[in-house]
Amino acid sequence: MNPTPTALLLVALFAPTAAAVDRTTRPYRCVEHVHREAPGVDAHVVLIDLRCPAADVVATRPGDRHATVSGFAEEYGAQIAINANFFDASTCGLAMGDGRVWRDAYRDRCGASLAFGPQASGTRLAFWDSVDHPTSCELGWARQVITGWPRLLDRGAVVFEPEEPIGMYRFHPRTAIGATPGGATLVIAVVDGRRNGLPGMTSLGLIPLMEEFGVSDAINLDGGGSTELYIAAEGGVVNHPSDRVERRVGNHLGIRVLDP
């Protein structure tokens, strides 16, 4: 049977990046940072072992909105930080920081949520669809929540949303977050773009990148000029924001490493 045009497109989109050079560092206990450079690609992937008692996840409280990623990291004592929800005056979709829900979040179609909370050994997480409840969290154990759109992977299956925005099929800087089966490892991907020879990535292009690092569930977060990765031990902002300066973003997600 001859492959369909759609199948051929997926093969092209999901093909491994040729001539990739990976530089791997371990800036903290339980954390690995892979910086990949290849023709047309400049990507950072951070893997955090959530079973590690030294690692703690934190998100932005409602009163601390619209800070830069580095400003959030310094204020919250986070060694690693990224941008999170799409935003306007408030966040698009559910957001929670230290147990405080953003009561003025707006609905739109942002419903791919990821929650974090403490458990006996390490950090618990869960993915779910909160699109109809942007200002309340149904998970009683959750302390931190961020939300994106669209969902990229759901228990290992690629998700194709019929109302996915056209911008997801265009090349832009990207931020995505996912986890390995069972939530043992949190995986953050930050892809630069809007530079000469570096257009960025489509949301579909994020899927094979996340899968390569064992991710079974993943969501797309705000991108473009908001895309940013901060790692304190490696000098602060490690990618190249496309605005050439740090943008103030709606909310953030950070990793605090105790006794780094």
Protein backbone atom coordinates (compact mmCIF):
# COMPACT_ATOMS: atom_id res chain seq x y z
CA MET A 1 0.00 0.00 0.00
CA ASN A 2 1.35 3.42 -0.95
CA PRO A 3 1.61 5.95 1.89
CA THR A 4 -0.99 8.74 1.93
CA PRO A 5 0.07 12.39 1.55
CA THR A 6 -0.74 12.89 5.23
CA ALA A 7 1.51 10.01 6.23
CA LEU A 8 4.34 11.38 4.09
CA LEU A 9 3.90 14.80 5.70
CA LEU A 10 4.12 13.27 9.19
CA VAL A 11 7.26 11.35 8.25
CA ALA A 12 8.86 14.58 7.04
CA LEU A 13 7.82 16.51 10.13
CA PHE A 14 8.87 13.80 12.57
CA ALA A 15 12.17 12.81 10.92
CA PRO A 16 15.19 13.02 13.28
CA THR A 17 17.24 16.17 12.91
CA ALA A 18 20.33 15.51 10.80
CA ALA A 19 23.82 16.47 11.97
CA ALA A 20 22.60 17.38 15.45
CA VAL A 21 25.20 18.23 18.08
CA ASP A 22 24.09 17.75 21.68
CA ARG A 23 25.92 19.30 24.62
CA THR A 24 24.79 17.80 27.92
CA THR A 25 25.34 19.40 31.32
CA ARG A 26 24.11 18.59 34.82
CA PRO A 27 23.70 22.00 36.46
CA TYR A 28 22.03 20.61 39.60
CA ARG A 29 21.27 17.38 41.35
CA CYS A 30 18.49 15.50 39.56
CA VAL A 31 18.65 17.87 36.55
CA GLU A 32 20.06 17.32 33.05
CA HIS A 33 20.27 20.02 30.36
CA VAL A 34 20.68 19.07 26.70
CA HIS A 35 21.49 21.91 24.28
CA ARG A 36 20.96 20.76 20.70
CA GLU A 37 22.30 22.65 17.70
CA ALA A 38 21.73 21.51 14.12
CA PRO A 39 21.02 23.17 10.77
CA GLY A 40 17.93 25.29 11.43
CA VAL A 41 17.57 24.13 15.05
CA ASP A 42 18.66 25.62 18.38
CA ALA A 43 16.84 23.79 21.17
CA HIS A 44 17.19 23.25 24.90
CA VAL A 45 15.72 20.24 26.69
CA VAL A 46 15.76 20.08 30.49
CA LEU A 47 14.98 16.84 32.33
CA ILE A 48 14.07 16.97 36.03
CA ASP A 49 13.74 13.82 38.14
CA LEU A 50 10.53 14.43 40.11
CA ARG A 51 11.25 11.49 42.40
CA CYS A 52 14.21 13.45 43.72
CA PRO A 53 13.50 15.03 47.14
CA ALA A 54 15.78 17.94 46.24
CA ALA A 55 13.50 19.13 43.41
CA ASP A 56 10.46 21.33 44.06
CA VAL A 57 8.07 22.87 41.50
CA VAL A 58 6.67 26.39 41.87
CA ALA A 59 4.35 28.55 39.73
CA THR A 60 3.33 32.21 39.75
CA ARG A 61 0.90 33.54 42.34
CA PRO A 62 -1.82 35.85 40.92
CA GLY A 63 -0.31 38.98 42.45
CA ASP A 64 3.05 38.41 40.79
CA ARG A 65 1.89 38.40 37.18
CA HIS A 66 3.70 39.99 34.24
CA ALA A 67 7.25 39.59 35.51
CA THR A 68 10.18 38.54 33.37
CA VAL A 69 11.25 34.91 33.65
CA SER A 70 14.50 35.87 35.38
CA GLY A 71 12.62 38.21 37.72
CA PHE A 72 10.24 35.41 38.67
CA ALA A 73 13.14 33.02 39.24
CA GLU A 74 14.94 35.44 41.52
CA GLU A 75 11.78 36.35 43.45
CA TYR A 76 10.75 32.71 43.99
CA GLY A 77 14.21 31.27 44.52
CA ALA A 78 13.92 29.06 41.44
CA GLN A 79 17.14 27.86 39.83
CA ILE A 80 15.29 26.95 36.60
CA ALA A 81 12.33 28.83 35.10
CA ILE A 82 10.26 29.14 31.92
CA ASN A 83 7.31 31.12 30.63
CA ALA A 84 3.92 29.41 30.90
CA ASN A 85 0.33 30.30 29.85
CA PHE A 86 -0.70 32.39 26.88
CA PHE A 87 -1.86 35.69 28.34
CA ASP A 88 -3.44 39.08 27.94
CA ALA A 89 -4.41 41.05 31.06
CA SER A 90 -4.65 37.67 32.80
CA THR A 91 -3.78 34.09 31.85
CA CYS A 92 -5.49 32.11 29.13
CA GLY A 93 -6.73 29.06 31.03
CA LEU A 94 -6.29 27.81 34.55
CA ALA A 95 -3.31 29.00 36.58
CA MET A 96 -2.38 28.41 40.20
CA GLY A 97 0.62 29.39 42.27
CA ASP A 98 1.24 28.13 45.81
CA GLY A 99 -2.41 27.00 45.99
CA ARG A 100 -3.81 30.36 44.84
CA VAL A 101 -6.01 30.16 41.72
CA TRP A 102 -6.08 33.06 39.25
CA ARG A 103 -9.76 34.05 39.56
CA ASP A 104 -9.69 36.31 36.50
CA ALA A 105 -8.25 33.79 34.01
CA TYR A 106 -10.09 33.78 30.69
CA ARG A 107 -11.35 30.67 28.93
CA ASP A 108 -10.75 30.86 25.16
CA ARG A 109 -9.61 27.33 24.20
CA CYS A 110 -6.70 27.06 26.61
CA GLY A 111 -7.47 23.89 28.55
CA ALA A 112 -4.40 21.64 28.43
CA SER A 113 -3.50 21.84 32.10
CA LEU A 114 -0.64 20.40 34.12
CA ALA A 115 -0.81 20.30 37.93
CA PHE A 116 1.89 19.67 40.52
CA GLY A 117 1.66 18.84 44.19
CA PRO A 118 3.65 17.20 46.97
CA GLN A 119 3.64 13.49 47.65
CA ALA A 120 5.51 11.14 49.98
CA SER A 121 8.45 10.82 47.62
CA GLY A 122 9.04 13.77 45.32
CA THR A 123 6.46 15.65 43.26
CA ARG A 124 3.13 14.43 41.88
CA LEU A 125 1.79 15.67 38.54
CA ALA A 126 -1.30 15.25 36.38
CA PHE A 127 -2.47 16.35 32.93
CA TRP A 128 -6.15 17.05 32.27
CA ASP A 129 -8.58 19.20 30.27
CA SER A 130 -9.70 22.26 32.25
CA VAL A 131 -11.09 24.30 29.36
CA ASP A 132 -14.58 24.59 30.91
CA HIS A 133 -13.20 25.51 34.35
CA PRO A 134 -10.49 28.17 33.92
CA THR A 135 -10.92 29.62 37.42
CA SER A 136 -11.21 26.52 39.61
CA CYS A 137 -9.05 23.43 40.12
CA GLU A 138 -10.74 20.05 40.56
CA LEU A 139 -7.58 18.42 41.93
CA GLY A 140 -7.58 18.91 45.68
CA TRP A 141 -3.91 17.98 46.05
CA ALA A 142 -2.65 20.45 43.43
CA ARG A 143 -0.56 23.44 44.52
CA GLN A 144 0.81 24.67 41.18
CA VAL A 145 -0.99 24.66 37.80
CA ILE A 146 -0.11 25.94 34.34
CA THR A 147 -2.14 25.61 31.15
CA GLY A 148 -1.35 25.64 27.45
CA TRP A 149 -2.86 24.81 24.08
CA PRO A 150 -2.85 22.52 22.23
CA ARG A 151 -2.21 19.15 23.89
CA LEU A 152 0.60 17.48 21.94
CA LEU A 153 0.72 13.97 23.43
CA ASP A 154 -1.82 12.07 25.51
CA ARG A 155 -0.52 8.82 27.07
CA GLY A 156 1.77 8.27 24.10
CA ALA A 157 -0.75 9.16 21.38
CA VAL A 158 -0.31 12.20 19.14
CA VAL A 159 -3.18 14.67 19.60
CA PHE A 160 -4.60 16.51 16.60
CA GLU A 161 -7.11 19.14 17.69
CA PRO A 162 -9.59 20.20 14.97
CA GLU A 163 -9.58 23.81 16.19
CA GLU A 164 -5.82 24.03 16.64
CA PRO A 165 -4.75 27.59 15.72
CA ILE A 166 -3.05 28.07 12.37
CA GLY A 167 -0.02 29.51 14.16
CA MET A 168 0.76 26.07 15.52
CA TYR A 169 1.61 24.94 11.98
CA ARG A 170 4.00 27.83 11.42
CA PHE A 171 7.60 28.12 12.53
CA HIS A 172 8.06 30.14 15.72
CA PRO A 173 10.05 29.99 18.95
CA ARG A 174 8.39 27.37 21.15
CA THR A 175 8.03 26.36 24.78
CA ALA A 176 6.60 22.95 25.67
CA ILE A 177 6.42 20.77 28.75
CA GLY A 178 5.81 17.07 29.23
CA ALA A 179 6.47 14.06 31.38
CA THR A 180 7.56 10.45 31.02
CA PRO A 181 5.06 7.65 31.79
CA GLY A 182 4.05 7.74 35.44
CA GLY A 183 5.36 11.29 35.84
CA ALA A 184 8.84 10.28 36.98
CA THR A 185 10.63 12.84 34.82
CA LEU A 186 9.50 16.34 33.88
CA VAL A 187 10.76 17.40 30.44
CA ILE A 188 10.92 21.04 29.31
CA ALA A 189 11.67 21.99 25.70
CA VAL A 190 12.59 25.52 24.61
CA VAL A 191 13.25 26.14 20.91
CA ASP A 192 14.69 29.40 19.58
CA GLY A 193 13.52 31.02 16.35
CA ARG A 194 12.97 34.22 14.35
CA ARG A 195 16.71 34.46 13.68
CA ASN A 196 18.68 34.10 10.48
CA GLY A 197 18.78 30.39 9.65
CA LEU A 198 16.71 29.55 12.74
CA PRO A 199 12.99 29.87 11.97
CA GLY A 200 11.86 28.01 15.07
CA MET A 201 9.59 24.96 15.07
CA THR A 202 5.96 24.02 14.46
CA SER A 203 3.94 22.48 17.27
CA LEU A 204 4.02 19.21 15.34
CA GLY A 205 7.80 19.43 15.27
CA LEU A 206 7.83 19.51 19.06
CA ILE A 207 6.26 16.05 19.24
CA PRO A 208 9.20 13.95 17.99
CA LEU A 209 11.58 16.07 20.05
CA MET A 210 9.61 15.30 23.21
CA GLU A 211 9.20 11.64 22.27
CA GLU A 212 12.95 11.30 21.81
CA PHE A 213 13.32 12.04 25.53
CA GLY A 214 10.71 9.48 26.54
CA VAL A 215 7.75 11.85 26.95
CA SER A 216 4.26 10.31 26.84
CA ASP A 217 2.20 13.44 27.73
CA ALA A 218 2.96 16.98 26.60
CA ILE A 219 1.42 20.41 26.07
CA ASN A 220 2.39 23.47 24.06
CA LEU A 221 2.85 26.65 26.10
CA ASP A 222 3.12 30.30 25.04
CA GLY A 223 5.87 30.83 22.49
CA GLY A 224 7.20 33.50 20.16
CA GLY A 225 8.83 36.38 21.99
CA SER A 226 7.72 34.87 25.31
CA THR A 227 9.86 31.74 24.92
CA GLU A 228 12.60 31.75 27.53
CA LEU A 229 14.66 29.34 29.64
CA TYR A 230 16.51 30.46 32.77
CA ILE A 231 19.14 28.29 34.46
CA ALA A 232 20.93 30.15 37.24
CA ALA A 233 23.98 27.87 37.34
CA GLU A 234 24.57 28.42 33.61
CA GLY A 235 24.47 32.21 33.62
CA GLY A 236 20.76 32.95 33.75
CA VAL A 237 18.85 33.12 30.44
CA VAL A 238 20.40 30.36 28.30
CA ASN A 239 18.39 30.74 25.09
CA HIS A 240 18.07 33.78 22.81
CA PRO A 241 14.62 35.40 23.21
CA SER A 242 13.42 36.60 19.82
CA ASP A 243 12.58 40.09 21.15
CA ARG A 244 16.32 40.43 21.92
CA VAL A 245 15.28 41.38 25.46
CA GLU A 246 13.30 39.58 28.15
CA ARG A 247 9.56 39.95 27.77
CA ARG A 248 7.27 40.34 30.76
CA VAL A 249 4.99 37.32 30.57
CA GLY A 250 1.74 36.38 32.28
CA ASN A 251 2.95 33.57 34.51
CA HIS A 252 5.82 31.16 34.92
CA LEU A 253 6.93 27.73 36.09
CA GLY A 254 10.06 27.21 38.14
CA ILE A 255 12.14 24.42 39.63
CA ARG A 256 13.75 24.96 43.01
CA VAL A 257 16.62 22.62 43.82
CA LEU A 258 17.34 22.26 47.53
CA ASP A 259 21.01 21.86 48.38
CA PRO A 260 22.04 22.16 44.71
